[in-house]
Amino acid sequence: MNAQTMNSSICPECEGVLHLPADLMEGEIVPCGDCGAELEVLSLTPAGAGPCS
């Protein structure tokens, strides 16, 4: 994890580790680096992401 990465979560599609940037906001869309799924940030504390609807 680099200095710009603050949180991590698990991808609900492939169970890979998501490394989330420190300046992330709820509702933002992030791609899974392992499977490419587009995920919506559902919460910041704890960090959580789910499939885009």
N, C-alpha and C. Protein backbone atom coordinates (compact mmCIF):
# COMPACT_ATOMS: atom_id res chain seq x y z
N MET A 1 0.84 -1.17 0.00
CA MET A 1 0.00 0.00 0.00
C MET A 1 0.89 1.24 0.00
N ASN A 2 0.61 2.20 -0.90
CA ASN A 2 1.44 3.40 -0.93
C ASN A 2 0.85 4.47 -0.03
N ALA A 3 1.53 5.63 0.04
CA ALA A 3 1.12 6.70 0.95
C ALA A 3 -0.22 7.29 0.56
N GLN A 4 -0.64 7.20 -0.71
CA GLN A 4 -1.89 7.76 -1.17
C GLN A 4 -3.06 6.82 -0.88
N THR A 5 -2.82 5.60 -0.49
CA THR A 5 -3.87 4.63 -0.23
C THR A 5 -4.16 4.59 1.27
N MET A 6 -5.44 4.81 1.62
CA MET A 6 -5.80 4.86 3.02
C MET A 6 -6.58 3.63 3.46
N ASN A 7 -7.51 3.20 2.65
CA ASN A 7 -8.38 2.10 3.05
C ASN A 7 -8.30 0.96 2.05
N SER A 8 -8.76 -0.17 2.48
CA SER A 8 -8.91 -1.28 1.55
C SER A 8 -10.24 -1.97 1.87
N SER A 9 -10.76 -2.65 0.89
CA SER A 9 -12.01 -3.37 1.02
C SER A 9 -11.91 -4.61 0.15
N ILE A 10 -12.93 -5.42 0.16
CA ILE A 10 -12.97 -6.64 -0.65
C ILE A 10 -13.97 -6.47 -1.78
N CYS A 11 -13.59 -6.83 -2.99
CA CYS A 11 -14.48 -6.76 -4.14
C CYS A 11 -15.57 -7.81 -3.96
N PRO A 12 -16.85 -7.41 -4.05
CA PRO A 12 -17.94 -8.38 -3.89
C PRO A 12 -18.09 -9.32 -5.09
N GLU A 13 -17.46 -8.99 -6.21
CA GLU A 13 -17.55 -9.82 -7.41
C GLU A 13 -16.50 -10.94 -7.42
N CYS A 14 -15.23 -10.59 -7.13
CA CYS A 14 -14.15 -11.58 -7.25
C CYS A 14 -13.41 -11.83 -5.94
N GLU A 15 -13.77 -11.09 -4.88
CA GLU A 15 -13.14 -11.19 -3.56
C GLU A 15 -11.69 -10.73 -3.55
N GLY A 16 -11.28 -9.96 -4.58
CA GLY A 16 -9.95 -9.36 -4.60
C GLY A 16 -9.90 -8.16 -3.66
N VAL A 17 -8.69 -7.74 -3.31
CA VAL A 17 -8.51 -6.59 -2.43
C VAL A 17 -8.61 -5.30 -3.24
N LEU A 18 -9.47 -4.38 -2.79
CA LEU A 18 -9.58 -3.06 -3.39
C LEU A 18 -8.73 -2.10 -2.57
N HIS A 19 -7.80 -1.41 -3.21
CA HIS A 19 -7.02 -0.38 -2.54
C HIS A 19 -7.66 0.95 -2.88
N LEU A 20 -8.23 1.61 -1.88
CA LEU A 20 -9.02 2.81 -2.08
C LEU A 20 -8.22 4.06 -1.73
N PRO A 21 -8.24 5.08 -2.60
CA PRO A 21 -7.49 6.32 -2.33
C PRO A 21 -8.01 7.05 -1.10
N ALA A 22 -7.15 7.83 -0.46
CA ALA A 22 -7.49 8.54 0.77
C ALA A 22 -8.56 9.60 0.55
N ASP A 23 -8.65 10.16 -0.66
CA ASP A 23 -9.60 11.24 -0.92
C ASP A 23 -10.93 10.75 -1.50
N LEU A 24 -11.24 9.49 -1.32
CA LEU A 24 -12.46 8.87 -1.83
C LEU A 24 -13.69 9.44 -1.14
N MET A 25 -14.81 9.52 -1.89
CA MET A 25 -16.07 10.02 -1.34
C MET A 25 -17.16 8.97 -1.53
N GLU A 26 -18.14 8.95 -0.61
CA GLU A 26 -19.28 8.04 -0.76
C GLU A 26 -19.99 8.32 -2.08
N GLY A 27 -20.42 7.28 -2.77
CA GLY A 27 -21.10 7.42 -4.04
C GLY A 27 -20.18 7.40 -5.24
N GLU A 28 -18.88 7.51 -5.01
CA GLU A 28 -17.91 7.49 -6.10
C GLU A 28 -17.81 6.09 -6.71
N ILE A 29 -17.52 6.01 -8.00
CA ILE A 29 -17.36 4.73 -8.69
C ILE A 29 -15.88 4.40 -8.79
N VAL A 30 -15.51 3.19 -8.37
CA VAL A 30 -14.12 2.75 -8.45
C VAL A 30 -14.06 1.40 -9.16
N PRO A 31 -13.03 1.19 -9.98
CA PRO A 31 -12.89 -0.11 -10.65
C PRO A 31 -12.11 -1.08 -9.77
N CYS A 32 -12.45 -2.35 -9.87
CA CYS A 32 -11.66 -3.39 -9.21
C CYS A 32 -10.43 -3.63 -10.07
N GLY A 33 -9.26 -3.60 -9.48
CA GLY A 33 -8.02 -3.82 -10.21
C GLY A 33 -7.85 -5.26 -10.66
N ASP A 34 -8.56 -6.19 -10.04
CA ASP A 34 -8.43 -7.60 -10.39
C ASP A 34 -9.39 -8.02 -11.51
N CYS A 35 -10.69 -7.71 -11.35
CA CYS A 35 -11.68 -8.20 -12.33
C CYS A 35 -12.28 -7.11 -13.20
N GLY A 36 -12.04 -5.83 -12.86
CA GLY A 36 -12.54 -4.73 -13.67
C GLY A 36 -13.96 -4.30 -13.37
N ALA A 37 -14.60 -4.93 -12.39
CA ALA A 37 -15.97 -4.55 -12.04
C ALA A 37 -16.01 -3.10 -11.58
N GLU A 38 -17.05 -2.35 -11.99
CA GLU A 38 -17.24 -0.99 -11.51
C GLU A 38 -18.06 -1.06 -10.23
N LEU A 39 -17.51 -0.49 -9.16
CA LEU A 39 -18.13 -0.58 -7.84
C LEU A 39 -18.40 0.80 -7.28
N GLU A 40 -19.53 0.94 -6.58
CA GLU A 40 -19.89 2.19 -5.94
C GLU A 40 -19.46 2.16 -4.48
N VAL A 41 -18.83 3.24 -4.01
CA VAL A 41 -18.42 3.33 -2.61
C VAL A 41 -19.68 3.53 -1.78
N LEU A 42 -19.96 2.58 -0.90
CA LEU A 42 -21.17 2.62 -0.08
C LEU A 42 -20.91 3.25 1.29
N SER A 43 -19.70 3.10 1.80
CA SER A 43 -19.35 3.69 3.10
C SER A 43 -17.85 3.91 3.15
N LEU A 44 -17.44 4.83 4.02
CA LEU A 44 -16.02 5.12 4.18
C LEU A 44 -15.46 4.52 5.46
N THR A 45 -16.29 4.41 6.51
CA THR A 45 -15.83 3.86 7.78
C THR A 45 -16.84 2.82 8.25
N PRO A 46 -16.64 1.56 8.12
CA PRO A 46 -15.50 0.95 7.42
C PRO A 46 -15.68 1.09 5.91
N ALA A 47 -14.57 1.01 5.21
CA ALA A 47 -14.61 1.13 3.76
C ALA A 47 -15.41 -0.04 3.17
N GLY A 48 -16.32 0.29 2.28
CA GLY A 48 -17.13 -0.75 1.65
C GLY A 48 -17.56 -0.34 0.27
N ALA A 49 -17.62 -1.28 -0.64
CA ALA A 49 -18.04 -1.02 -2.02
C ALA A 49 -18.96 -2.13 -2.48
N GLY A 50 -19.88 -1.77 -3.36
CA GLY A 50 -20.81 -2.74 -3.90
C GLY A 50 -21.00 -2.52 -5.38
N PRO A 51 -21.63 -3.44 -6.05
CA PRO A 51 -21.85 -3.31 -7.50
C PRO A 51 -22.65 -2.04 -7.82
N CYS A 52 -22.36 -1.40 -8.93
CA CYS A 52 -23.12 -0.24 -9.38
C CYS A 52 -24.51 -0.69 -9.79
N SER A 53 -25.49 0.13 -9.49
CA SER A 53 -26.86 -0.24 -9.88
C SER A 53 -27.29 0.47 -11.15
